[in-house]
mmCIF file of all heavy atoms, coordinates in Angstrom:
data_MODEL
# 
_entry.id   MODEL 
# 
loop_
_atom_site.group_PDB 
_atom_site.id 
_atom_site.type_symbol 
_atom_site.label_atom_id 
_atom_site.label_alt_id 
_atom_site.label_comp_id 
_atom_site.label_asym_id 
_atom_site.label_entity_id 
_atom_site.label_seq_id 
_atom_site.pdbx_PDB_ins_code 
_atom_site.Cartn_x 
_atom_site.Cartn_y 
_atom_site.Cartn_z 
_atom_site.occupancy 
_atom_site.B_iso_or_equiv 
_atom_site.pdbx_formal_charge 
_atom_site.auth_seq_id 
_atom_site.auth_comp_id 
_atom_site.auth_asym_id 
_atom_site.auth_atom_id 
_atom_site.pdbx_PDB_model_num 
ATOM 1   N N   . TRP A 1 1  ? 103.078 103.531 94.286 1.00 0.00 ? 1  TRP A N   1 
ATOM 2   C CA  . TRP A 1 1  ? 104.495 103.808 93.957 1.00 0.00 ? 1  TRP A CA  1 
ATOM 3   C C   . TRP A 1 1  ? 104.629 104.165 92.466 1.00 0.00 ? 1  TRP A C   1 
ATOM 4   O O   . TRP A 1 1  ? 105.258 105.145 92.114 1.00 0.00 ? 1  TRP A O   1 
ATOM 5   C CB  . TRP A 1 1  ? 105.358 102.584 94.288 1.00 0.00 ? 1  TRP A CB  1 
ATOM 6   C CG  . TRP A 1 1  ? 106.695 102.556 93.660 1.00 0.00 ? 1  TRP A CG  1 
ATOM 7   C CD1 . TRP A 1 1  ? 107.803 103.271 94.014 1.00 0.00 ? 1  TRP A CD1 1 
ATOM 8   C CD2 . TRP A 1 1  ? 107.092 101.728 92.547 1.00 0.00 ? 1  TRP A CD2 1 
ATOM 9   N NE1 . TRP A 1 1  ? 108.863 102.933 93.212 1.00 0.00 ? 1  TRP A NE1 1 
ATOM 10  C CE2 . TRP A 1 1  ? 108.458 102.007 92.284 1.00 0.00 ? 1  TRP A CE2 1 
ATOM 11  C CE3 . TRP A 1 1  ? 106.454 100.788 91.743 1.00 0.00 ? 1  TRP A CE3 1 
ATOM 12  C CZ2 . TRP A 1 1  ? 109.177 101.371 91.263 1.00 0.00 ? 1  TRP A CZ2 1 
ATOM 13  C CZ3 . TRP A 1 1  ? 107.171 100.153 90.757 1.00 0.00 ? 1  TRP A CZ3 1 
ATOM 14  C CH2 . TRP A 1 1  ? 108.509 100.444 90.515 1.00 0.00 ? 1  TRP A CH2 1 
ATOM 15  N N   . TRP A 1 2  ? 103.972 103.395 91.614 1.00 0.00 ? 2  TRP A N   1 
ATOM 16  C CA  . TRP A 1 2  ? 104.045 103.673 90.176 1.00 0.00 ? 2  TRP A CA  1 
ATOM 17  C C   . TRP A 1 2  ? 103.399 105.029 89.885 1.00 0.00 ? 2  TRP A C   1 
ATOM 18  O O   . TRP A 1 2  ? 103.967 105.825 89.128 1.00 0.00 ? 2  TRP A O   1 
ATOM 19  C CB  . TRP A 1 2  ? 103.309 102.564 89.391 1.00 0.00 ? 2  TRP A CB  1 
ATOM 20  C CG  . TRP A 1 2  ? 103.414 102.769 87.909 1.00 0.00 ? 2  TRP A CG  1 
ATOM 21  C CD1 . TRP A 1 2  ? 104.376 102.358 87.078 1.00 0.00 ? 2  TRP A CD1 1 
ATOM 22  C CD2 . TRP A 1 2  ? 102.464 103.467 87.089 1.00 0.00 ? 2  TRP A CD2 1 
ATOM 23  N NE1 . TRP A 1 2  ? 104.126 102.725 85.776 1.00 0.00 ? 2  TRP A NE1 1 
ATOM 24  C CE2 . TRP A 1 2  ? 102.974 103.413 85.757 1.00 0.00 ? 2  TRP A CE2 1 
ATOM 25  C CE3 . TRP A 1 2  ? 101.264 104.132 87.335 1.00 0.00 ? 2  TRP A CE3 1 
ATOM 26  C CZ2 . TRP A 1 2  ? 102.259 103.981 84.682 1.00 0.00 ? 2  TRP A CZ2 1 
ATOM 27  C CZ3 . TRP A 1 2  ? 100.575 104.715 86.280 1.00 0.00 ? 2  TRP A CZ3 1 
ATOM 28  C CH2 . TRP A 1 2  ? 101.081 104.628 84.969 1.00 0.00 ? 2  TRP A CH2 1 
ATOM 29  N N   . ASN A 1 3  ? 102.242 105.299 90.462 1.00 0.00 ? 3  ASN A N   1 
ATOM 30  C CA  . ASN A 1 3  ? 101.604 106.584 90.250 1.00 0.00 ? 3  ASN A CA  1 
ATOM 31  C C   . ASN A 1 3  ? 102.497 107.751 90.702 1.00 0.00 ? 3  ASN A C   1 
ATOM 32  O O   . ASN A 1 3  ? 102.624 108.766 90.009 1.00 0.00 ? 3  ASN A O   1 
ATOM 33  C CB  . ASN A 1 3  ? 100.273 106.647 91.001 1.00 0.00 ? 3  ASN A CB  1 
ATOM 34  C CG  . ASN A 1 3  ? 99.215  105.731 90.396 1.00 0.00 ? 3  ASN A CG  1 
ATOM 35  O OD1 . ASN A 1 3  ? 99.272  105.416 89.208 1.00 0.00 ? 3  ASN A OD1 1 
ATOM 36  N ND2 . ASN A 1 3  ? 98.279  105.299 91.198 1.00 0.00 ? 3  ASN A ND2 1 
ATOM 37  N N   . HIS A 1 4  ? 103.100 107.601 91.857 1.00 0.00 ? 4  HIS A N   1 
ATOM 38  C CA  . HIS A 1 4  ? 103.928 108.657 92.420 1.00 0.00 ? 4  HIS A CA  1 
ATOM 39  C C   . HIS A 1 4  ? 105.076 109.022 91.472 1.00 0.00 ? 4  HIS A C   1 
ATOM 40  O O   . HIS A 1 4  ? 105.366 110.211 91.262 1.00 0.00 ? 4  HIS A O   1 
ATOM 41  C CB  . HIS A 1 4  ? 104.461 108.202 93.776 1.00 0.00 ? 4  HIS A CB  1 
ATOM 42  C CG  . HIS A 1 4  ? 105.423 109.163 94.397 1.00 0.00 ? 4  HIS A CG  1 
ATOM 43  N ND1 . HIS A 1 4  ? 105.042 110.382 94.908 1.00 0.00 ? 4  HIS A ND1 1 
ATOM 44  C CD2 . HIS A 1 4  ? 106.796 109.090 94.559 1.00 0.00 ? 4  HIS A CD2 1 
ATOM 45  C CE1 . HIS A 1 4  ? 106.087 111.018 95.403 1.00 0.00 ? 4  HIS A CE1 1 
ATOM 46  N NE2 . HIS A 1 4  ? 107.160 110.261 95.196 1.00 0.00 ? 4  HIS A NE2 1 
ATOM 47  N N   . LEU A 1 5  ? 105.748 108.031 90.929 1.00 0.00 ? 5  LEU A N   1 
ATOM 48  C CA  . LEU A 1 5  ? 106.881 108.265 90.057 1.00 0.00 ? 5  LEU A CA  1 
ATOM 49  C C   . LEU A 1 5  ? 106.460 108.669 88.665 1.00 0.00 ? 5  LEU A C   1 
ATOM 50  O O   . LEU A 1 5  ? 107.005 109.614 88.054 1.00 0.00 ? 5  LEU A O   1 
ATOM 51  C CB  . LEU A 1 5  ? 107.775 107.036 90.001 1.00 0.00 ? 5  LEU A CB  1 
ATOM 52  C CG  . LEU A 1 5  ? 108.484 106.629 91.266 1.00 0.00 ? 5  LEU A CG  1 
ATOM 53  C CD1 . LEU A 1 5  ? 109.309 105.340 91.033 1.00 0.00 ? 5  LEU A CD1 1 
ATOM 54  C CD2 . LEU A 1 5  ? 109.415 107.742 91.753 1.00 0.00 ? 5  LEU A CD2 1 
ATOM 55  N N   . HIS A 1 6  ? 105.481 107.958 88.106 1.00 0.00 ? 6  HIS A N   1 
ATOM 56  C CA  . HIS A 1 6  ? 105.124 108.128 86.707 1.00 0.00 ? 6  HIS A CA  1 
ATOM 57  C C   . HIS A 1 6  ? 104.445 109.435 86.419 1.00 0.00 ? 6  HIS A C   1 
ATOM 58  O O   . HIS A 1 6  ? 104.619 110.024 85.367 1.00 0.00 ? 6  HIS A O   1 
ATOM 59  C CB  . HIS A 1 6  ? 104.304 106.934 86.234 1.00 0.00 ? 6  HIS A CB  1 
ATOM 60  C CG  . HIS A 1 6  ? 104.329 106.734 84.738 1.00 0.00 ? 6  HIS A CG  1 
ATOM 61  N ND1 . HIS A 1 6  ? 105.482 106.392 84.068 1.00 0.00 ? 6  HIS A ND1 1 
ATOM 62  C CD2 . HIS A 1 6  ? 103.373 106.852 83.791 1.00 0.00 ? 6  HIS A CD2 1 
ATOM 63  C CE1 . HIS A 1 6  ? 105.228 106.301 82.768 1.00 0.00 ? 6  HIS A CE1 1 
ATOM 64  N NE2 . HIS A 1 6  ? 103.954 106.581 82.586 1.00 0.00 ? 6  HIS A NE2 1 
ATOM 65  N N   . PHE A 1 7  ? 103.629 109.886 87.352 1.00 0.00 ? 7  PHE A N   1 
ATOM 66  C CA  . PHE A 1 7  ? 102.950 111.182 87.158 1.00 0.00 ? 7  PHE A CA  1 
ATOM 67  C C   . PHE A 1 7  ? 103.951 112.332 87.135 1.00 0.00 ? 7  PHE A C   1 
ATOM 68  O O   . PHE A 1 7  ? 103.791 113.320 86.438 1.00 0.00 ? 7  PHE A O   1 
ATOM 69  C CB  . PHE A 1 7  ? 101.884 111.394 88.208 1.00 0.00 ? 7  PHE A CB  1 
ATOM 70  C CG  . PHE A 1 7  ? 100.724 110.445 88.121 1.00 0.00 ? 7  PHE A CG  1 
ATOM 71  C CD1 . PHE A 1 7  ? 99.722  110.429 89.070 1.00 0.00 ? 7  PHE A CD1 1 
ATOM 72  C CD2 . PHE A 1 7  ? 100.613 109.583 87.059 1.00 0.00 ? 7  PHE A CD2 1 
ATOM 73  C CE1 . PHE A 1 7  ? 98.648  109.560 89.002 1.00 0.00 ? 7  PHE A CE1 1 
ATOM 74  C CE2 . PHE A 1 7  ? 99.536  108.702 86.948 1.00 0.00 ? 7  PHE A CE2 1 
ATOM 75  C CZ  . PHE A 1 7  ? 98.549  108.707 87.921 1.00 0.00 ? 7  PHE A CZ  1 
ATOM 76  N N   . GLN A 1 8  ? 105.020 112.223 87.963 1.00 0.00 ? 8  GLN A N   1 
ATOM 77  C CA  . GLN A 1 8  ? 106.061 113.221 87.951 1.00 0.00 ? 8  GLN A CA  1 
ATOM 78  C C   . GLN A 1 8  ? 106.780 113.211 86.575 1.00 0.00 ? 8  GLN A C   1 
ATOM 79  O O   . GLN A 1 8  ? 107.083 114.267 86.021 1.00 0.00 ? 8  GLN A O   1 
ATOM 80  C CB  . GLN A 1 8  ? 107.086 112.960 89.042 1.00 0.00 ? 8  GLN A CB  1 
ATOM 81  C CG  . GLN A 1 8  ? 106.557 113.158 90.429 1.00 0.00 ? 8  GLN A CG  1 
ATOM 82  C CD  . GLN A 1 8  ? 107.631 112.859 91.462 1.00 0.00 ? 8  GLN A CD  1 
ATOM 83  O OE1 . GLN A 1 8  ? 108.581 113.608 91.645 1.00 0.00 ? 8  GLN A OE1 1 
ATOM 84  N NE2 . GLN A 1 8  ? 107.469 111.721 92.167 1.00 0.00 ? 8  GLN A NE2 1 
ATOM 85  N N   . HIS A 1 9  ? 107.028 112.011 86.075 1.00 0.00 ? 9  HIS A N   1 
ATOM 86  C CA  . HIS A 1 9  ? 107.690 111.887 84.766 1.00 0.00 ? 9  HIS A CA  1 
ATOM 87  C C   . HIS A 1 9  ? 106.873 112.563 83.677 1.00 0.00 ? 9  HIS A C   1 
ATOM 88  O O   . HIS A 1 9  ? 107.416 113.276 82.836 1.00 0.00 ? 9  HIS A O   1 
ATOM 89  C CB  . HIS A 1 9  ? 107.903 110.416 84.466 1.00 0.00 ? 9  HIS A CB  1 
ATOM 90  C CG  . HIS A 1 9  ? 108.208 110.137 83.023 1.00 0.00 ? 9  HIS A CG  1 
ATOM 91  N ND1 . HIS A 1 9  ? 109.418 110.531 82.435 1.00 0.00 ? 9  HIS A ND1 1 
ATOM 92  C CD2 . HIS A 1 9  ? 107.495 109.570 82.031 1.00 0.00 ? 9  HIS A CD2 1 
ATOM 93  C CE1 . HIS A 1 9  ? 109.405 110.172 81.160 1.00 0.00 ? 9  HIS A CE1 1 
ATOM 94  N NE2 . HIS A 1 9  ? 108.261 109.609 80.877 1.00 0.00 ? 9  HIS A NE2 1 
ATOM 95  N N   . HIS A 1 10 ? 105.573 112.320 83.661 1.00 0.00 ? 10 HIS A N   1 
ATOM 96  C CA  . HIS A 1 10 ? 104.749 112.891 82.609 1.00 0.00 ? 10 HIS A CA  1 
ATOM 97  C C   . HIS A 1 10 ? 104.593 114.417 82.740 1.00 0.00 ? 10 HIS A C   1 
ATOM 98  O O   . HIS A 1 10 ? 104.431 115.093 81.746 1.00 0.00 ? 10 HIS A O   1 
ATOM 99  C CB  . HIS A 1 10 ? 103.345 112.223 82.571 1.00 0.00 ? 10 HIS A CB  1 
ATOM 100 C CG  . HIS A 1 10 ? 103.297 111.065 81.666 1.00 0.00 ? 10 HIS A CG  1 
ATOM 101 N ND1 . HIS A 1 10 ? 102.863 111.134 80.351 1.00 0.00 ? 10 HIS A ND1 1 
ATOM 102 C CD2 . HIS A 1 10 ? 103.626 109.755 81.866 1.00 0.00 ? 10 HIS A CD2 1 
ATOM 103 C CE1 . HIS A 1 10 ? 102.947 109.937 79.794 1.00 0.00 ? 10 HIS A CE1 1 
ATOM 104 N NE2 . HIS A 1 10 ? 103.382 109.095 80.695 1.00 0.00 ? 10 HIS A NE2 1 
ATOM 105 N N   . ALA A 1 11 ? 104.651 114.913 83.965 1.00 0.00 ? 11 ALA A N   1 
ATOM 106 C CA  . ALA A 1 11 ? 104.512 116.336 84.181 1.00 0.00 ? 11 ALA A CA  1 
ATOM 107 C C   . ALA A 1 11 ? 105.737 117.099 83.680 1.00 0.00 ? 11 ALA A C   1 
ATOM 108 O O   . ALA A 1 11 ? 105.615 118.162 83.042 1.00 0.00 ? 11 ALA A O   1 
ATOM 109 C CB  . ALA A 1 11 ? 104.283 116.630 85.657 1.00 0.00 ? 11 ALA A CB  1 
ATOM 110 N N   . LYS A 1 12 ? 106.937 116.558 83.945 1.00 0.00 ? 12 LYS A N   1 
ATOM 111 C CA  . LYS A 1 12 ? 108.176 117.232 83.581 1.00 0.00 ? 12 LYS A CA  1 
ATOM 112 C C   . LYS A 1 12 ? 109.189 116.244 83.016 1.00 0.00 ? 12 LYS A C   1 
ATOM 113 O O   . LYS A 1 12 ? 110.228 115.990 83.610 1.00 0.00 ? 12 LYS A O   1 
ATOM 114 C CB  . LYS A 1 12 ? 108.798 117.896 84.842 1.00 0.00 ? 12 LYS A CB  1 
ATOM 115 C CG  . LYS A 1 12 ? 107.964 119.036 85.443 1.00 0.00 ? 12 LYS A CG  1 
ATOM 116 C CD  . LYS A 1 12 ? 107.966 120.276 84.566 1.00 0.00 ? 12 LYS A CD  1 
ATOM 117 C CE  . LYS A 1 12 ? 107.229 121.415 85.254 1.00 0.00 ? 12 LYS A CE  1 
ATOM 118 N NZ  . LYS A 1 12 ? 107.257 122.654 84.417 1.00 0.00 ? 12 LYS A NZ  1 
ATOM 119 N N   . PRO A 1 13 ? 108.912 115.660 81.836 1.00 0.00 ? 13 PRO A N   1 
ATOM 120 C CA  . PRO A 1 13 ? 109.842 114.675 81.276 1.00 0.00 ? 13 PRO A CA  1 
ATOM 121 C C   . PRO A 1 13 ? 111.193 115.269 80.989 1.00 0.00 ? 13 PRO A C   1 
ATOM 122 O O   . PRO A 1 13 ? 111.292 116.366 80.435 1.00 0.00 ? 13 PRO A O   1 
ATOM 123 C CB  . PRO A 1 13 ? 109.118 114.214 80.006 1.00 0.00 ? 13 PRO A CB  1 
ATOM 124 C CG  . PRO A 1 13 ? 108.239 115.356 79.626 1.00 0.00 ? 13 PRO A CG  1 
ATOM 125 C CD  . PRO A 1 13 ? 107.784 115.944 80.937 1.00 0.00 ? 13 PRO A CD  1 
ATOM 126 N N   . ASN A 1 14 ? 112.236 114.530 81.379 1.00 0.00 ? 14 ASN A N   1 
ATOM 127 C CA  . ASN A 1 14 ? 113.636 114.904 81.114 1.00 0.00 ? 14 ASN A CA  1 
ATOM 128 C C   . ASN A 1 14 ? 114.064 116.196 81.813 1.00 0.00 ? 14 ASN A C   1 
ATOM 129 O O   . ASN A 1 14 ? 115.069 116.803 81.430 1.00 0.00 ? 14 ASN A O   1 
ATOM 130 C CB  . ASN A 1 14 ? 113.917 115.005 79.605 1.00 0.00 ? 14 ASN A CB  1 
ATOM 131 C CG  . ASN A 1 14 ? 114.149 113.671 78.971 1.00 0.00 ? 14 ASN A CG  1 
ATOM 132 O OD1 . ASN A 1 14 ? 113.844 112.616 79.558 1.00 0.00 ? 14 ASN A OD1 1 
ATOM 133 N ND2 . ASN A 1 14 ? 114.657 113.658 77.746 1.00 0.00 ? 14 ASN A ND2 1 
ATOM 134 N N   . CYS A 1 15 ? 113.310 116.619 82.813 1.00 0.00 ? 15 CYS A N   1 
ATOM 135 C CA  . CYS A 1 15 ? 113.694 117.780 83.614 1.00 0.00 ? 15 CYS A CA  1 
ATOM 136 C C   . CYS A 1 15 ? 114.443 117.293 84.856 1.00 0.00 ? 15 CYS A C   1 
ATOM 137 O O   . CYS A 1 15 ? 113.859 116.624 85.702 1.00 0.00 ? 15 CYS A O   1 
ATOM 138 C CB  . CYS A 1 15 ? 112.485 118.620 84.030 1.00 0.00 ? 15 CYS A CB  1 
ATOM 139 S SG  . CYS A 1 15 ? 111.673 119.491 82.642 1.00 0.00 ? 15 CYS A SG  1 
ATOM 140 N N   . PHE A 1 16 ? 115.703 117.609 84.927 1.00 0.00 ? 16 PHE A N   1 
ATOM 141 C CA  . PHE A 1 16 ? 116.559 117.163 86.028 1.00 0.00 ? 16 PHE A CA  1 
ATOM 142 C C   . PHE A 1 16 ? 116.007 117.620 87.373 1.00 0.00 ? 16 PHE A C   1 
ATOM 143 O O   . PHE A 1 16 ? 115.601 118.763 87.511 1.00 0.00 ? 16 PHE A O   1 
ATOM 144 C CB  . PHE A 1 16 ? 117.974 117.673 85.822 1.00 0.00 ? 16 PHE A CB  1 
ATOM 145 C CG  . PHE A 1 16 ? 118.986 117.166 86.818 1.00 0.00 ? 16 PHE A CG  1 
ATOM 146 C CD1 . PHE A 1 16 ? 119.010 115.827 87.152 1.00 0.00 ? 16 PHE A CD1 1 
ATOM 147 C CD2 . PHE A 1 16 ? 119.888 118.041 87.394 1.00 0.00 ? 16 PHE A CD2 1 
ATOM 148 C CE1 . PHE A 1 16 ? 119.936 115.362 88.058 1.00 0.00 ? 16 PHE A CE1 1 
ATOM 149 C CE2 . PHE A 1 16 ? 120.820 117.558 88.309 1.00 0.00 ? 16 PHE A CE2 1 
ATOM 150 C CZ  . PHE A 1 16 ? 120.854 116.225 88.638 1.00 0.00 ? 16 PHE A CZ  1 
ATOM 151 N N   . ARG A 1 17 ? 115.985 116.726 88.340 1.00 0.00 ? 17 ARG A N   1 
ATOM 152 C CA  . ARG A 1 17 ? 115.477 116.927 89.721 1.00 0.00 ? 17 ARG A CA  1 
ATOM 153 C C   . ARG A 1 17 ? 113.947 116.939 89.781 1.00 0.00 ? 17 ARG A C   1 
ATOM 154 O O   . ARG A 1 17 ? 113.390 117.083 90.855 1.00 0.00 ? 17 ARG A O   1 
ATOM 155 C CB  . ARG A 1 17 ? 116.062 118.162 90.392 1.00 0.00 ? 17 ARG A CB  1 
ATOM 156 C CG  . ARG A 1 17 ? 117.577 118.185 90.449 1.00 0.00 ? 17 ARG A CG  1 
ATOM 157 C CD  . ARG A 1 17 ? 118.059 119.295 91.374 1.00 0.00 ? 17 ARG A CD  1 
ATOM 158 N NE  . ARG A 1 17 ? 119.517 119.475 91.291 1.00 0.00 ? 17 ARG A NE  1 
ATOM 159 C CZ  . ARG A 1 17 ? 120.409 118.683 91.839 1.00 0.00 ? 17 ARG A CZ  1 
ATOM 160 N NH1 . ARG A 1 17 ? 120.024 117.630 92.494 1.00 0.00 ? 17 ARG A NH1 1 
ATOM 161 N NH2 . ARG A 1 17 ? 121.717 118.922 91.704 1.00 0.00 ? 17 ARG A NH2 1 
ATOM 162 N N   . LYS A 1 18 ? 113.276 116.861 88.641 1.00 0.00 ? 18 LYS A N   1 
ATOM 163 C CA  . LYS A 1 18 ? 111.792 116.789 88.682 1.00 0.00 ? 18 LYS A CA  1 
ATOM 164 C C   . LYS A 1 18 ? 111.263 115.527 87.989 1.00 0.00 ? 18 LYS A C   1 
ATOM 165 O O   . LYS A 1 18 ? 110.185 115.074 88.337 1.00 0.00 ? 18 LYS A O   1 
ATOM 166 C CB  . LYS A 1 18 ? 111.226 118.034 88.000 1.00 0.00 ? 18 LYS A CB  1 
ATOM 167 C CG  . LYS A 1 18 ? 111.478 119.314 88.776 1.00 0.00 ? 18 LYS A CG  1 
ATOM 168 C CD  . LYS A 1 18 ? 110.703 120.500 88.248 1.00 0.00 ? 18 LYS A CD  1 
ATOM 169 C CE  . LYS A 1 18 ? 110.914 121.732 89.102 1.00 0.00 ? 18 LYS A CE  1 
ATOM 170 N NZ  . LYS A 1 18 ? 110.125 122.898 88.615 1.00 0.00 ? 18 LYS A NZ  1 
ATOM 171 N N   . ASP A 1 19 ? 112.021 114.973 87.083 1.00 0.00 ? 19 ASP A N   1 
ATOM 172 C CA  . ASP A 1 19 ? 111.647 113.704 86.434 1.00 0.00 ? 19 ASP A CA  1 
ATOM 173 C C   . ASP A 1 19 ? 112.464 112.572 87.119 1.00 0.00 ? 19 ASP A C   1 
ATOM 174 O O   . ASP A 1 19 ? 113.666 112.522 86.956 1.00 0.00 ? 19 ASP A O   1 
ATOM 175 C CB  . ASP A 1 19 ? 111.939 113.741 84.959 1.00 0.00 ? 19 ASP A CB  1 
ATOM 176 C CG  . ASP A 1 19 ? 111.588 112.456 84.246 1.00 0.00 ? 19 ASP A CG  1 
ATOM 177 O OD1 . ASP A 1 19 ? 111.075 111.512 84.917 1.00 0.00 ? 19 ASP A OD1 1 
ATOM 178 O OD2 . ASP A 1 19 ? 111.834 112.348 83.015 1.00 0.00 ? 19 ASP A OD2 1 
ATOM 179 N N   . PRO A 1 20 ? 111.804 111.693 87.872 1.00 0.00 ? 20 PRO A N   1 
ATOM 180 C CA  . PRO A 1 20 ? 112.544 110.627 88.552 1.00 0.00 ? 20 PRO A CA  1 
ATOM 181 C C   . PRO A 1 20 ? 113.313 109.706 87.614 1.00 0.00 ? 20 PRO A C   1 
ATOM 182 O O   . PRO A 1 20 ? 114.306 109.080 88.024 1.00 0.00 ? 20 PRO A O   1 
ATOM 183 C CB  . PRO A 1 20 ? 111.447 109.836 89.280 1.00 0.00 ? 20 PRO A CB  1 
ATOM 184 C CG  . PRO A 1 20 ? 110.283 110.778 89.351 1.00 0.00 ? 20 PRO A CG  1 
ATOM 185 C CD  . PRO A 1 20 ? 110.368 111.634 88.128 1.00 0.00 ? 20 PRO A CD  1 
ATOM 186 N N   . ASP A 1 21 ? 112.912 109.638 86.364 1.00 0.00 ? 21 ASP A N   1 
ATOM 187 C CA  . ASP A 1 21 ? 113.552 108.747 85.418 1.00 0.00 ? 21 ASP A CA  1 
ATOM 188 C C   . ASP A 1 21 ? 114.952 109.179 85.010 1.00 0.00 ? 21 ASP A C   1 
ATOM 189 O O   . ASP A 1 21 ? 115.719 108.385 84.448 1.00 0.00 ? 21 ASP A O   1 
ATOM 190 C CB  . ASP A 1 21 ? 112.699 108.586 84.131 1.00 0.00 ? 21 ASP A CB  1 
ATOM 191 C CG  . ASP A 1 21 ? 111.439 107.800 84.391 1.00 0.00 ? 21 ASP A CG  1 
ATOM 192 O OD1 . ASP A 1 21 ? 111.213 107.433 85.575 1.00 0.00 ? 21 ASP A OD1 1 
ATOM 193 O OD2 . ASP A 1 21 ? 110.684 107.572 83.440 1.00 0.00 ? 21 ASP A OD2 1 
ATOM 194 N N   . VAL A 1 22 ? 115.330 110.429 85.308 1.00 0.00 ? 22 VAL A N   1 
ATOM 195 C CA  . VAL A 1 22 ? 116.683 110.879 84.968 1.00 0.00 ? 22 VAL A CA  1 
ATOM 196 C C   . VAL A 1 22 ? 117.502 111.147 86.221 1.00 0.00 ? 22 VAL A C   1 
ATOM 197 O O   . VAL A 1 22 ? 118.482 111.841 86.205 1.00 0.00 ? 22 VAL A O   1 
ATOM 198 C CB  . VAL A 1 22 ? 116.671 112.125 84.069 1.00 0.00 ? 22 VAL A CB  1 
ATOM 199 C CG1 . VAL A 1 22 ? 116.081 111.811 82.704 1.00 0.00 ? 22 VAL A CG1 1 
ATOM 200 C CG2 . VAL A 1 22 ? 115.891 113.272 84.708 1.00 0.00 ? 22 VAL A CG2 1 
ATOM 201 N N   . ASN A 1 23 ? 117.105 110.516 87.329 1.00 0.00 ? 23 ASN A N   1 
ATOM 202 C CA  . ASN A 1 23 ? 117.834 110.688 88.577 1.00 0.00 ? 23 ASN A CA  1 
ATOM 203 C C   . ASN A 1 23 ? 119.184 109.991 88.590 1.00 0.00 ? 23 ASN A C   1 
ATOM 204 O O   . ASN A 1 23 ? 119.946 110.147 89.531 1.00 0.00 ? 23 ASN A O   1 
ATOM 205 C CB  . ASN A 1 23 ? 117.006 110.184 89.759 1.00 0.00 ? 23 ASN A CB  1 
ATOM 206 C CG  . ASN A 1 23 ? 116.003 111.200 90.258 1.00 0.00 ? 23 ASN A CG  1 
ATOM 207 O OD1 . ASN A 1 23 ? 116.045 112.368 89.871 1.00 0.00 ? 23 ASN A OD1 1 
ATOM 208 N ND2 . ASN A 1 23 ? 115.081 110.763 91.091 1.00 0.00 ? 23 ASN A ND2 1 
ATOM 209 N N   . MET A 1 24 ? 119.484 109.227 87.530 1.00 0.00 ? 24 MET A N   1 
ATOM 210 C CA  . MET A 1 24 ? 120.789 108.539 87.484 1.00 0.00 ? 24 MET A CA  1 
ATOM 211 C C   . MET A 1 24 ? 121.927 109.515 87.146 1.00 0.00 ? 24 MET A C   1 
ATOM 212 O O   . MET A 1 24 ? 123.094 109.154 87.213 1.00 0.00 ? 24 MET A O   1 
ATOM 213 C CB  . MET A 1 24 ? 120.728 107.436 86.427 1.00 0.00 ? 24 MET A CB  1 
ATOM 214 C CG  . MET A 1 24 ? 120.269 107.849 85.085 1.00 0.00 ? 24 MET A CG  1 
ATOM 215 S SD  . MET A 1 24 ? 119.912 106.433 84.031 1.00 0.00 ? 24 MET A SD  1 
ATOM 216 C CE  . MET A 1 24 ? 118.958 107.181 82.729 1.00 0.00 ? 24 MET A CE  1 
ATOM 217 N N   . HIS A 1 25 ? 121.614 110.748 86.786 1.00 0.00 ? 25 HIS A N   1 
ATOM 218 C CA  . HIS A 1 25 ? 122.625 111.798 86.579 1.00 0.00 ? 25 HIS A CA  1 
ATOM 219 C C   . HIS A 1 25 ? 122.863 112.487 87.892 1.00 0.00 ? 25 HIS A C   1 
ATOM 220 O O   . HIS A 1 25 ? 121.906 112.868 88.578 1.00 0.00 ? 25 HIS A O   1 
ATOM 221 C CB  . HIS A 1 25 ? 122.139 112.774 85.510 1.00 0.00 ? 25 HIS A CB  1 
ATOM 222 C CG  . HIS A 1 25 ? 123.007 113.973 85.345 1.00 0.00 ? 25 HIS A CG  1 
ATOM 223 N ND1 . HIS A 1 25 ? 124.019 114.023 84.442 1.00 0.00 ? 25 HIS A ND1 1 
ATOM 224 C CD2 . HIS A 1 25 ? 123.042 115.180 86.000 1.00 0.00 ? 25 HIS A CD2 1 
ATOM 225 C CE1 . HIS A 1 25 ? 124.643 115.180 84.493 1.00 0.00 ? 25 HIS A CE1 1 
ATOM 226 N NE2 . HIS A 1 25 ? 124.059 115.914 85.457 1.00 0.00 ? 25 HIS A NE2 1 
# 
Protein backbone atom coordinates (compact mmCIF):
# COMPACT_ATOMS: atom_id res chain seq x y z
CA TRP A 1 0.00 0.00 0.00
CA TRP A 2 2.79 2.43 0.91
CA ASN A 3 4.71 1.60 -2.27
CA HIS A 4 1.60 2.03 -4.43
CA LEU A 5 0.86 5.52 -3.10
CA HIS A 6 4.35 6.83 -2.45
CA PHE A 7 5.84 5.91 -5.81
CA GLN A 8 3.05 7.84 -7.53
CA HIS A 9 3.80 10.82 -5.31
CA HIS A 10 7.48 10.82 -6.21
CA ALA A 11 6.78 10.42 -9.91
CA LYS A 12 4.39 13.39 -10.13
CA PRO A 13 4.52 15.45 -6.91
CA ASN A 14 1.75 18.04 -6.56
CA CYS A 15 0.19 17.01 -9.88
CA PHE A 16 -3.57 16.89 -9.41
CA ARG A 17 -5.14 13.47 -10.15
CA LYS A 18 -1.67 11.87 -10.32
CA ASP A 19 -0.23 12.57 -6.86
CA PRO A 20 -2.40 10.80 -4.23
CA ASP A 21 -1.20 13.24 -1.57
CA VAL A 22 -3.22 16.11 -3.09
CA ASN A 23 -6.44 14.14 -3.56
CA MET A 24 -8.06 16.26 -0.83
CA HIS A 25 -8.75 18.92 -3.49
